[in-house]
Amino acid sequence: MQINLKETADFLKAHDNFYILTHQSPDGDTMGSGFGLCCALRKIGKKANVLCSDNFPKRYHFMYEGYVPQKFAPETIVAVDVADKKLLGPGLAQYGDYVDLCIDHHISNTLYAERLLVYPDAAAACEVIFRVLAEMDVTLDRQIAECLYTGIATDTGCFKYANTTKLAHIISAKLMDCGIRLEQINREMFDIKSKARLKVEQYINSSMEYYLDDKCAMAAVTLDTLAEAGLPAEEFEGIAGMSVQLEGVKVGVIIKEKEAGKFKISMRSASDIDVSEICRKFGGGGHVKAAGCAIDGTLDDVKLKLLSGIAPALGIDLWLA
């Protein structure tokens, strides 16, 4: 059932022993939501741990520095920035049917949790977490504020994406009042790149293919490519934006093989095309300009399926393109 901010705050205050679930291939928003909420709950005397199917990425080290998992039997399961229980990944799949509360901002949320606080107009899940903590009268410290700021900044592309709202700026200004290391966070999130990341970007640029009158850009990374080229899997976070950097491209796609014959699709829009609608055809979803899905099959089959979904959105007959 859908609940409001006050009901969410009351629920969190009334319960204890929290497992906070984040989605697989964690990004800044799920990490910021998870650790921001965890720190806040611990601050008011609750027990809470953050769980993820994957390792916490090193680039978000400042969120979990000093974090030590607490020992307790879980009583309350909360998912943050997780639109579908499938996104929890294999490591957390056992909790998918037992989520007591989901805090999210995806319009494609599948309503899998017992209680839902979903604000599709929010720039990030961290924005929703900020509002929940305000309702709970939790005083934000620098660590909580840095977690929430990172989620908002990364999900808005440093405040340049279409989902950036006036409220996102207002909340970020309030987080700055908590003494966050703004310059350091922004530099680490948006400027600094490892040699491995540069290698990944070089590969994506060199392997990009163009379809549908060059309005669709697509790059694929198979397990064989990862092994042969020595591309580190953890450096692919946020790479999907590269697919819409070329002038004239309206829809960009990054295809990444997660297991043999199982592909994760990240789709981006640089126009008025709603890529969440396209991804929904394949059992996925997301936002208007950033969405994803999973498709099984051979790489050629996956490409053809995707193009058959993208072509109508572009007003193009696939077989005449």
Foldseek 3Di string as FASTA:
>chain_A
DEDELLVVLVVLVVDAQEEEFEFELDDLQSLLLQLLVCVLSVVVPGAYDYDAPDDDDPLVVLLCVVPDHDDDDHDAYEYEQDQALPRRDPVCNVCQQPHQEYQHQFPNRPPNHVYYHYNVLALGSLLVSVSSVVSNVGDDALSSLQSSLRRNCVSCVNVPRPSRDPSSVVSNVVSVVNVHPVVVSCCSRPPDDDPLLVLVLVQQVVQWDADDVRQEIEHEAEPVNCVVSVRDPSSCPPVQVVQPPDPNHAKYWYWYHPDVQKIKIKMFGPDQAQVQVLQVVQVWGGGRGIIIHMDGDDPVVVVVSSCVSVQVSVVHDRVVD
